[in-house]
Amino acid sequence: MEMHRRPHSLTAWLWWLAVLIAAVGGGAAYLLRLNAMDSGAVGWSNLIIAITVSLAGICIICATSGWWLRR
């Protein structure tokens, strides 16, 4: 029985999107943490980190869906 797999090129953009999201979100959180004088900066930084991890994680799960959802 032959398994039908998606070619790597179809999911490669999801990996790059996850890296881009992680870089932008990490940079934004870092810049907010530098502004430690503002009391709300740490809270916003934590929120950005949570959103970044969630979005990058969804991209990675979708990119590896061929491994998780074998039919």
N, C-alpha and C. Protein backbone atom coordinates (compact mmCIF):
# COMPACT_ATOMS: atom_id res chain seq x y z
N MET A 1 0.84 -1.17 0.00
CA MET A 1 0.00 0.00 0.00
C MET A 1 0.89 1.24 0.00
N GLU A 2 0.66 2.10 -0.95
CA GLU A 2 1.46 3.30 -1.08
C GLU A 2 0.81 4.46 -0.34
N MET A 3 1.61 5.15 0.46
CA MET A 3 1.08 6.29 1.21
C MET A 3 1.20 7.55 0.35
N HIS A 4 0.16 8.33 0.36
CA HIS A 4 0.17 9.57 -0.39
C HIS A 4 0.66 10.68 0.52
N ARG A 5 1.80 11.21 0.22
CA ARG A 5 2.37 12.29 1.01
C ARG A 5 2.41 13.56 0.17
N ARG A 6 2.24 14.65 0.85
CA ARG A 6 2.37 15.93 0.16
C ARG A 6 3.85 16.20 -0.07
N PRO A 7 4.18 16.74 -1.21
CA PRO A 7 5.58 17.10 -1.44
C PRO A 7 6.05 18.15 -0.44
N HIS A 8 7.32 18.11 -0.15
CA HIS A 8 7.90 19.02 0.84
C HIS A 8 7.70 20.48 0.43
N SER A 9 7.70 20.75 -0.86
CA SER A 9 7.58 22.13 -1.32
C SER A 9 6.22 22.74 -0.99
N LEU A 10 5.20 21.91 -0.80
CA LEU A 10 3.88 22.44 -0.46
C LEU A 10 3.79 22.90 0.99
N THR A 11 4.59 22.35 1.85
CA THR A 11 4.55 22.74 3.26
C THR A 11 5.76 23.55 3.69
N ALA A 12 6.69 23.77 2.79
CA ALA A 12 7.90 24.53 3.15
C ALA A 12 7.56 25.96 3.57
N TRP A 13 6.55 26.54 2.96
CA TRP A 13 6.20 27.92 3.30
C TRP A 13 5.69 28.01 4.74
N LEU A 14 5.09 26.95 5.24
CA LEU A 14 4.62 26.97 6.63
C LEU A 14 5.79 27.01 7.61
N TRP A 15 6.86 26.31 7.28
CA TRP A 15 8.06 26.35 8.12
C TRP A 15 8.65 27.75 8.13
N TRP A 16 8.73 28.38 6.95
CA TRP A 16 9.28 29.73 6.88
C TRP A 16 8.37 30.73 7.58
N LEU A 17 7.07 30.53 7.48
CA LEU A 17 6.14 31.41 8.17
C LEU A 17 6.30 31.28 9.69
N ALA A 18 6.51 30.06 10.17
CA ALA A 18 6.73 29.85 11.61
C ALA A 18 8.00 30.55 12.07
N VAL A 19 9.04 30.47 11.27
CA VAL A 19 10.30 31.15 11.62
C VAL A 19 10.11 32.66 11.60
N LEU A 20 9.39 33.17 10.60
CA LEU A 20 9.15 34.60 10.51
C LEU A 20 8.32 35.09 11.69
N ILE A 21 7.28 34.36 12.04
CA ILE A 21 6.44 34.73 13.19
C ILE A 21 7.27 34.73 14.47
N ALA A 22 8.11 33.71 14.65
CA ALA A 22 8.95 33.63 15.84
C ALA A 22 9.94 34.80 15.91
N ALA A 23 10.51 35.16 14.77
CA ALA A 23 11.49 36.25 14.75
C ALA A 23 10.82 37.60 15.05
N VAL A 24 9.69 37.85 14.41
CA VAL A 24 9.00 39.13 14.62
C VAL A 24 8.45 39.21 16.04
N GLY A 25 7.80 38.15 16.48
CA GLY A 25 7.25 38.15 17.83
C GLY A 25 8.32 38.21 18.91
N GLY A 26 9.40 37.49 18.69
CA GLY A 26 10.50 37.53 19.65
C GLY A 26 11.15 38.89 19.71
N GLY A 27 11.32 39.52 18.55
CA GLY A 27 11.88 40.87 18.51
C GLY A 27 10.99 41.88 19.20
N ALA A 28 9.68 41.78 18.95
CA ALA A 28 8.74 42.71 19.58
C ALA A 28 8.71 42.52 21.10
N ALA A 29 8.72 41.27 21.54
CA ALA A 29 8.72 41.02 22.99
C ALA A 29 10.01 41.52 23.62
N TYR A 30 11.12 41.33 22.93
CA TYR A 30 12.41 41.80 23.45
C TYR A 30 12.42 43.32 23.57
N LEU A 31 11.92 44.00 22.54
CA LEU A 31 11.90 45.46 22.59
C LEU A 31 10.98 45.96 23.70
N LEU A 32 9.88 45.29 23.93
CA LEU A 32 9.01 45.69 25.04
C LEU A 32 9.67 45.44 26.39
N ARG A 33 10.42 44.35 26.50
CA ARG A 33 11.10 44.06 27.78
C ARG A 33 12.19 45.09 28.06
N LEU A 34 12.75 45.69 27.02
CA LEU A 34 13.75 46.72 27.24
C LEU A 34 13.15 47.95 27.91
N ASN A 35 11.87 48.16 27.70
CA ASN A 35 11.16 49.28 28.29
C ASN A 35 10.58 48.86 29.64
N ALA A 36 11.43 48.48 30.56
CA ALA A 36 10.99 47.95 31.85
C ALA A 36 10.43 49.03 32.77
N MET A 37 10.62 50.30 32.42
CA MET A 37 10.11 51.37 33.26
C MET A 37 8.58 51.44 33.19
N ASP A 38 8.01 51.01 32.09
CA ASP A 38 6.55 51.01 31.94
C ASP A 38 5.99 49.77 32.59
N SER A 39 5.01 49.95 33.47
CA SER A 39 4.48 48.81 34.21
C SER A 39 3.70 47.84 33.31
N GLY A 40 3.13 48.32 32.25
CA GLY A 40 2.36 47.46 31.37
C GLY A 40 3.20 46.75 30.32
N ALA A 41 4.47 47.12 30.19
CA ALA A 41 5.32 46.55 29.15
C ALA A 41 5.55 45.05 29.35
N VAL A 42 5.72 44.63 30.58
CA VAL A 42 5.96 43.21 30.86
C VAL A 42 4.72 42.39 30.52
N GLY A 43 3.56 42.90 30.86
CA GLY A 43 2.31 42.20 30.53
C GLY A 43 2.10 42.08 29.04
N TRP A 44 2.35 43.16 28.31
CA TRP A 44 2.24 43.11 26.85
C TRP A 44 3.26 42.17 26.25
N SER A 45 4.46 42.17 26.82
CA SER A 45 5.51 41.28 26.34
C SER A 45 5.11 39.82 26.52
N ASN A 46 4.54 39.50 27.67
CA ASN A 46 4.08 38.13 27.91
C ASN A 46 2.96 37.74 26.95
N LEU A 47 2.06 38.67 26.66
CA LEU A 47 0.98 38.41 25.72
C LEU A 47 1.53 38.16 24.31
N ILE A 48 2.50 38.96 23.90
CA ILE A 48 3.11 38.78 22.58
C ILE A 48 3.82 37.44 22.50
N ILE A 49 4.50 37.04 23.56
CA ILE A 49 5.17 35.74 23.57
C ILE A 49 4.15 34.62 23.45
N ALA A 50 3.04 34.71 24.17
CA ALA A 50 2.01 33.67 24.10
C ALA A 50 1.40 33.58 22.71
N ILE A 51 1.12 34.71 22.10
CA ILE A 51 0.55 34.72 20.75
C ILE A 51 1.56 34.18 19.74
N THR A 52 2.81 34.56 19.89
CA THR A 52 3.86 34.11 18.98
C THR A 52 4.03 32.60 19.04
N VAL A 53 4.08 32.07 20.24
CA VAL A 53 4.25 30.61 20.39
C VAL A 53 3.03 29.88 19.82
N SER A 54 1.85 30.42 20.05
CA SER A 54 0.63 29.79 19.53
C SER A 54 0.61 29.78 18.01
N LEU A 55 0.87 30.92 17.39
CA LEU A 55 0.83 30.99 15.94
C LEU A 55 1.93 30.17 15.28
N ALA A 56 3.14 30.24 15.82
CA ALA A 56 4.23 29.43 15.26
C ALA A 56 3.94 27.95 15.45
N GLY A 57 3.37 27.59 16.59
CA GLY A 57 3.02 26.20 16.84
C GLY A 57 1.97 25.68 15.87
N ILE A 58 0.97 26.51 15.57
CA ILE A 58 -0.05 26.11 14.61
C ILE A 58 0.57 25.90 13.24
N CYS A 59 1.48 26.77 12.85
CA CYS A 59 2.16 26.61 11.55
C CYS A 59 2.96 25.31 11.51
N ILE A 60 3.64 24.99 12.59
CA ILE A 60 4.45 23.76 12.63
C ILE A 60 3.55 22.54 12.62
N ILE A 61 2.46 22.58 13.35
CA ILE A 61 1.52 21.45 13.36
C ILE A 61 0.94 21.24 11.96
N CYS A 62 0.59 22.33 11.29
CA CYS A 62 0.05 22.21 9.93
C CYS A 62 1.11 21.69 8.96
N ALA A 63 2.36 22.13 9.14
CA ALA A 63 3.43 21.67 8.25
C ALA A 63 3.72 20.19 8.44
N THR A 64 3.52 19.68 9.64
CA THR A 64 3.79 18.27 9.91
C THR A 64 2.52 17.43 9.94
N SER A 65 1.43 17.97 9.41
CA SER A 65 0.16 17.25 9.47
C SER A 65 0.20 15.91 8.74
N GLY A 66 1.08 15.79 7.77
CA GLY A 66 1.23 14.50 7.08
C GLY A 66 1.72 13.41 8.01
N TRP A 67 2.49 13.79 9.00
CA TRP A 67 3.00 12.81 9.98
C TRP A 67 1.93 12.47 11.01
N TRP A 68 1.07 13.45 11.34
CA TRP A 68 0.08 13.26 12.39
C TRP A 68 -1.19 12.60 11.88
N LEU A 69 -1.61 12.94 10.67
CA LEU A 69 -2.87 12.47 10.13
C LEU A 69 -2.64 11.51 8.97
N ARG A 70 -2.18 10.35 9.25
CA ARG A 70 -1.95 9.37 8.20
C ARG A 70 -3.25 8.62 7.94
N ARG A 71 -3.58 8.54 6.68
CA ARG A 71 -4.82 7.86 6.31
C ARG A 71 -4.53 6.53 5.69
